[in-house]
Amino acid sequence: MLSILRNPVGKTARYAVAAAVMSATFLPAWAHAGDAEFLTQSNANILWTLLAAILVMLMQAGFGCVEAGFTRAKSAGNIMMKNFLDFSAGSIIFFLFGFA
């Protein structure tokens, strides 16, 4: 086994097998890619909702830093945990009731 790993021909053969597996995996998907419309109204709505959710997640981190700056140093961990739990509960509630 070690002689195969050290042999450059064996290494080339492994790259060839990896390339063959990847092409067999992805070529059928690329063949059908021309038939689909990518940015339909439904896809754009989902993309915008995802982008807005990412921005809200980043805003929660910013609010946590602002609130931690307004409190004592010993309370900073509690404030960050409060904001993390706020985001977690809000995300679960949004995905259960808001996105539908």
N, C-alpha and C. Protein backbone atom coordinates (compact mmCIF):
# COMPACT_ATOMS: atom_id res chain seq x y z
N MET A 1 0.82 -1.20 0.00
CA MET A 1 0.00 0.00 0.00
C MET A 1 0.86 1.25 0.00
N LEU A 2 1.94 1.26 0.77
CA LEU A 2 2.79 2.43 0.83
C LEU A 2 3.51 2.67 -0.49
N SER A 3 3.83 1.59 -1.21
CA SER A 3 4.50 1.78 -2.50
C SER A 3 3.58 2.46 -3.51
N ILE A 4 2.28 2.23 -3.40
CA ILE A 4 1.34 2.90 -4.30
C ILE A 4 1.27 4.38 -3.99
N LEU A 5 1.31 4.74 -2.72
CA LEU A 5 1.24 6.14 -2.33
C LEU A 5 2.49 6.91 -2.76
N ARG A 6 3.63 6.24 -2.75
CA ARG A 6 4.87 6.91 -3.14
C ARG A 6 5.08 6.92 -4.63
N ASN A 7 4.40 6.07 -5.35
CA ASN A 7 4.58 5.97 -6.79
C ASN A 7 3.81 7.09 -7.49
N PRO A 8 4.49 7.91 -8.32
CA PRO A 8 3.77 8.99 -9.00
C PRO A 8 2.72 8.50 -9.98
N VAL A 9 2.92 7.30 -10.54
CA VAL A 9 1.91 6.77 -11.46
C VAL A 9 0.63 6.45 -10.70
N GLY A 10 0.76 5.91 -9.50
CA GLY A 10 -0.41 5.63 -8.67
C GLY A 10 -1.14 6.90 -8.29
N LYS A 11 -0.38 7.97 -8.06
CA LYS A 11 -0.99 9.25 -7.72
C LYS A 11 -1.77 9.81 -8.91
N THR A 12 -1.21 9.68 -10.10
CA THR A 12 -1.90 10.14 -11.30
C THR A 12 -3.17 9.33 -11.52
N ALA A 13 -3.07 8.04 -11.28
CA ALA A 13 -4.26 7.19 -11.46
C ALA A 13 -5.35 7.58 -10.47
N ARG A 14 -4.98 7.91 -9.23
CA ARG A 14 -5.99 8.33 -8.26
C ARG A 14 -6.65 9.62 -8.69
N TYR A 15 -5.86 10.58 -9.24
CA TYR A 15 -6.44 11.82 -9.73
C TYR A 15 -7.38 11.56 -10.90
N ALA A 16 -7.02 10.62 -11.75
CA ALA A 16 -7.88 10.29 -12.89
C ALA A 16 -9.19 9.67 -12.43
N VAL A 17 -9.13 8.80 -11.44
CA VAL A 17 -10.35 8.20 -10.90
C VAL A 17 -11.21 9.26 -10.23
N ALA A 18 -10.58 10.15 -9.48
CA ALA A 18 -11.34 11.22 -8.83
C ALA A 18 -12.00 12.12 -9.85
N ALA A 19 -11.30 12.46 -10.93
CA ALA A 19 -11.88 13.29 -11.99
C ALA A 19 -13.03 12.58 -12.68
N ALA A 20 -12.89 11.27 -12.89
CA ALA A 20 -13.96 10.51 -13.53
C ALA A 20 -15.21 10.45 -12.65
N VAL A 21 -15.01 10.27 -11.37
CA VAL A 21 -16.16 10.21 -10.45
C VAL A 21 -16.85 11.57 -10.38
N MET A 22 -16.06 12.64 -10.31
CA MET A 22 -16.67 13.98 -10.25
C MET A 22 -17.41 14.31 -11.54
N SER A 23 -16.84 13.95 -12.69
CA SER A 23 -17.53 14.26 -13.95
C SER A 23 -18.80 13.42 -14.09
N ALA A 24 -18.76 12.17 -13.64
CA ALA A 24 -19.97 11.35 -13.71
C ALA A 24 -21.04 11.86 -12.75
N THR A 25 -20.61 12.51 -11.69
CA THR A 25 -21.57 13.05 -10.73
C THR A 25 -22.19 14.35 -11.21
N PHE A 26 -21.36 15.26 -11.77
CA PHE A 26 -21.83 16.61 -12.06
C PHE A 26 -22.29 16.81 -13.50
N LEU A 27 -21.86 16.04 -14.45
CA LEU A 27 -22.25 16.27 -15.84
C LEU A 27 -23.74 16.12 -16.08
N PRO A 28 -24.43 15.13 -15.50
CA PRO A 28 -25.89 15.09 -15.72
C PRO A 28 -26.60 16.33 -15.19
N ALA A 29 -26.14 16.86 -14.08
CA ALA A 29 -26.77 18.07 -13.53
C ALA A 29 -26.50 19.27 -14.42
N TRP A 30 -25.30 19.36 -15.00
CA TRP A 30 -24.98 20.47 -15.88
C TRP A 30 -25.75 20.37 -17.19
N ALA A 31 -26.10 19.17 -17.61
CA ALA A 31 -26.84 19.00 -18.85
C ALA A 31 -28.25 19.56 -18.72
N HIS A 32 -28.85 19.44 -17.55
CA HIS A 32 -30.21 19.93 -17.34
C HIS A 32 -30.25 21.37 -16.85
N ALA A 33 -29.10 21.98 -16.61
CA ALA A 33 -29.09 23.33 -16.06
C ALA A 33 -29.62 24.36 -17.04
N GLY A 34 -29.52 24.12 -18.32
CA GLY A 34 -29.98 25.09 -19.31
C GLY A 34 -31.48 25.15 -19.41
N ASP A 35 -32.19 24.16 -18.94
CA ASP A 35 -33.63 24.12 -19.07
C ASP A 35 -34.37 24.92 -18.01
N ALA A 36 -33.73 25.24 -16.91
CA ALA A 36 -34.41 25.85 -15.77
C ALA A 36 -34.23 27.36 -15.76
N GLU A 37 -35.24 28.04 -15.26
CA GLU A 37 -35.12 29.47 -15.01
C GLU A 37 -34.62 29.65 -13.59
N PHE A 38 -33.61 30.47 -13.42
CA PHE A 38 -32.97 30.55 -12.12
C PHE A 38 -33.64 31.55 -11.19
N LEU A 39 -33.94 32.74 -11.65
CA LEU A 39 -34.45 33.77 -10.74
C LEU A 39 -35.91 34.06 -11.07
N THR A 40 -36.76 33.14 -10.72
CA THR A 40 -38.19 33.37 -10.85
C THR A 40 -38.65 34.19 -9.64
N GLN A 41 -39.89 34.60 -9.63
CA GLN A 41 -40.39 35.41 -8.52
C GLN A 41 -40.36 34.63 -7.22
N SER A 42 -40.68 33.37 -7.27
CA SER A 42 -40.66 32.55 -6.05
C SER A 42 -39.24 32.41 -5.51
N ASN A 43 -38.29 32.15 -6.40
CA ASN A 43 -36.89 32.04 -5.97
C ASN A 43 -36.36 33.37 -5.45
N ALA A 44 -36.76 34.47 -6.07
CA ALA A 44 -36.32 35.78 -5.60
C ALA A 44 -36.88 36.09 -4.22
N ASN A 45 -38.14 35.68 -3.96
CA ASN A 45 -38.72 35.90 -2.63
C ASN A 45 -37.97 35.12 -1.56
N ILE A 46 -37.63 33.87 -1.86
CA ILE A 46 -36.90 33.06 -0.90
C ILE A 46 -35.50 33.63 -0.69
N LEU A 47 -34.85 34.08 -1.76
CA LEU A 47 -33.52 34.66 -1.64
C LEU A 47 -33.54 35.93 -0.80
N TRP A 48 -34.53 36.78 -1.01
CA TRP A 48 -34.63 38.01 -0.24
C TRP A 48 -34.91 37.72 1.24
N THR A 49 -35.77 36.74 1.52
CA THR A 49 -36.05 36.37 2.90
C THR A 49 -34.80 35.83 3.58
N LEU A 50 -34.02 35.02 2.87
CA LEU A 50 -32.78 34.49 3.42
C LEU A 50 -31.78 35.61 3.68
N LEU A 51 -31.65 36.54 2.76
CA LEU A 51 -30.74 37.67 2.95
C LEU A 51 -31.17 38.53 4.15
N ALA A 52 -32.46 38.78 4.27
CA ALA A 52 -32.95 39.56 5.41
C ALA A 52 -32.72 38.84 6.72
N ALA A 53 -32.87 37.51 6.74
CA ALA A 53 -32.64 36.75 7.96
C ALA A 53 -31.17 36.79 8.36
N ILE A 54 -30.28 36.75 7.39
CA ILE A 54 -28.84 36.84 7.69
C ILE A 54 -28.50 38.21 8.25
N LEU A 55 -29.09 39.25 7.69
CA LEU A 55 -28.84 40.60 8.21
C LEU A 55 -29.37 40.76 9.64
N VAL A 56 -30.52 40.18 9.92
CA VAL A 56 -31.07 40.25 11.28
C VAL A 56 -30.17 39.49 12.24
N MET A 57 -29.64 38.35 11.82
CA MET A 57 -28.73 37.59 12.67
C MET A 57 -27.49 38.42 13.00
N LEU A 58 -26.94 39.11 12.01
CA LEU A 58 -25.77 39.95 12.27
C LEU A 58 -26.13 41.16 13.13
N MET A 59 -27.35 41.68 12.98
CA MET A 59 -27.77 42.80 13.83
C MET A 59 -27.89 42.37 15.28
N GLN A 60 -28.30 41.13 15.52
CA GLN A 60 -28.39 40.65 16.90
C GLN A 60 -27.02 40.65 17.56
N ALA A 61 -25.98 40.26 16.81
CA ALA A 61 -24.62 40.30 17.35
C ALA A 61 -24.21 41.73 17.66
N GLY A 62 -24.57 42.66 16.80
CA GLY A 62 -24.25 44.07 17.05
C GLY A 62 -24.98 44.61 18.26
N PHE A 63 -26.25 44.26 18.40
CA PHE A 63 -26.99 44.71 19.58
C PHE A 63 -26.41 44.12 20.85
N GLY A 64 -25.95 42.86 20.77
CA GLY A 64 -25.32 42.24 21.93
C GLY A 64 -24.05 42.98 22.34
N CYS A 65 -23.27 43.40 21.36
CA CYS A 65 -22.04 44.15 21.68
C CYS A 65 -22.38 45.52 22.27
N VAL A 66 -23.40 46.18 21.73
CA VAL A 66 -23.80 47.49 22.27
C VAL A 66 -24.29 47.35 23.70
N GLU A 67 -25.15 46.37 23.96
CA GLU A 67 -25.67 46.19 25.31
C GLU A 67 -24.59 45.76 26.28
N ALA A 68 -23.64 44.94 25.81
CA ALA A 68 -22.53 44.54 26.69
C ALA A 68 -21.65 45.74 27.02
N GLY A 69 -21.56 46.69 26.12
CA GLY A 69 -20.78 47.90 26.39
C GLY A 69 -21.46 48.82 27.39
N PHE A 70 -22.79 48.73 27.50
CA PHE A 70 -23.52 49.59 28.43
C PHE A 70 -23.61 49.01 29.84
N THR A 71 -23.19 47.76 30.02
CA THR A 71 -23.30 47.14 31.34
C THR A 71 -21.92 46.94 31.94
N ARG A 72 -21.89 46.46 33.17
CA ARG A 72 -20.61 46.14 33.81
C ARG A 72 -19.97 44.94 33.12
N ALA A 73 -18.66 44.81 33.31
CA ALA A 73 -17.93 43.72 32.67
C ALA A 73 -18.40 42.36 33.16
N LYS A 74 -18.81 42.27 34.42
CA LYS A 74 -19.24 40.97 34.94
C LYS A 74 -20.58 40.54 34.35
N SER A 75 -21.34 41.45 33.78
CA SER A 75 -22.65 41.11 33.21
C SER A 75 -22.60 40.92 31.70
N ALA A 76 -21.44 41.07 31.09
CA ALA A 76 -21.36 40.99 29.62
C ALA A 76 -21.74 39.60 29.12
N GLY A 77 -21.31 38.55 29.81
CA GLY A 77 -21.67 37.20 29.39
C GLY A 77 -23.16 36.95 29.47
N ASN A 78 -23.80 37.47 30.51
CA ASN A 78 -25.25 37.31 30.64
C ASN A 78 -25.99 38.04 29.53
N ILE A 79 -25.52 39.21 29.17
CA ILE A 79 -26.16 39.99 28.10
C ILE A 79 -26.02 39.26 26.76
N MET A 80 -24.83 38.72 26.51
CA MET A 80 -24.63 38.00 25.24
C MET A 80 -25.50 36.74 25.19
N MET A 81 -25.62 36.05 26.30
CA MET A 81 -26.47 34.87 26.34
C MET A 81 -27.93 35.24 26.16
N LYS A 82 -28.34 36.36 26.72
CA LYS A 82 -29.72 36.82 26.54
C LYS A 82 -29.99 37.11 25.07
N ASN A 83 -29.06 37.76 24.41
CA ASN A 83 -29.25 38.06 22.99
C ASN A 83 -29.21 36.79 22.13
N PHE A 84 -28.36 35.83 22.48
CA PHE A 84 -28.32 34.57 21.75
C PHE A 84 -29.64 33.82 21.90
N LEU A 85 -30.17 33.76 23.13
CA LEU A 85 -31.45 33.07 23.34
C LEU A 85 -32.60 33.82 22.68
N ASP A 86 -32.52 35.13 22.65
CA ASP A 86 -33.52 35.94 21.96
C ASP A 86 -33.54 35.60 20.47
N PHE A 87 -32.37 35.52 19.88
CA PHE A 87 -32.28 35.17 18.46
C PHE A 87 -32.75 33.74 18.22
N SER A 88 -32.35 32.81 19.10
CA SER A 88 -32.74 31.41 18.91
C SER A 88 -34.25 31.23 19.00
N ALA A 89 -34.85 31.79 20.03
CA ALA A 89 -36.30 31.67 20.18
C ALA A 89 -37.02 32.39 19.04
N GLY A 90 -36.53 33.55 18.67
CA GLY A 90 -37.15 34.28 17.56
C GLY A 90 -37.07 33.53 16.24
N SER A 91 -35.93 32.85 16.00
CA SER A 91 -35.78 32.07 14.77
C SER A 91 -36.75 30.90 14.73
N ILE A 92 -36.87 30.20 15.84
CA ILE A 92 -37.77 29.04 15.89
C ILE A 92 -39.21 29.49 15.71
N ILE A 93 -39.60 30.55 16.37
CA ILE A 93 -40.97 31.04 16.25
C ILE A 93 -41.24 31.55 14.83
N PHE A 94 -40.25 32.22 14.22
CA PHE A 94 -40.42 32.70 12.85
C PHE A 94 -40.59 31.55 11.87
N PHE A 95 -39.76 30.52 12.00
CA PHE A 95 -39.87 29.40 11.06
C PHE A 95 -41.13 28.58 11.29
N LEU A 96 -41.67 28.58 12.51
CA LEU A 96 -42.91 27.85 12.76
C LEU A 96 -44.14 28.62 12.28
N PHE A 97 -44.15 29.93 12.51
CA PHE A 97 -45.37 30.70 12.23
C PHE A 97 -45.20 31.81 11.19
N GLY A 98 -44.01 32.38 11.07
CA GLY A 98 -43.86 33.57 10.24
C GLY A 98 -43.64 33.31 8.77
N PHE A 99 -42.90 32.25 8.42
CA PHE A 99 -42.55 32.02 7.02
C PHE A 99 -43.68 31.37 6.24
N ALA A 100 -44.63 30.79 6.93
CA ALA A 100 -45.73 30.09 6.25
C ALA A 100 -46.66 31.04 5.60
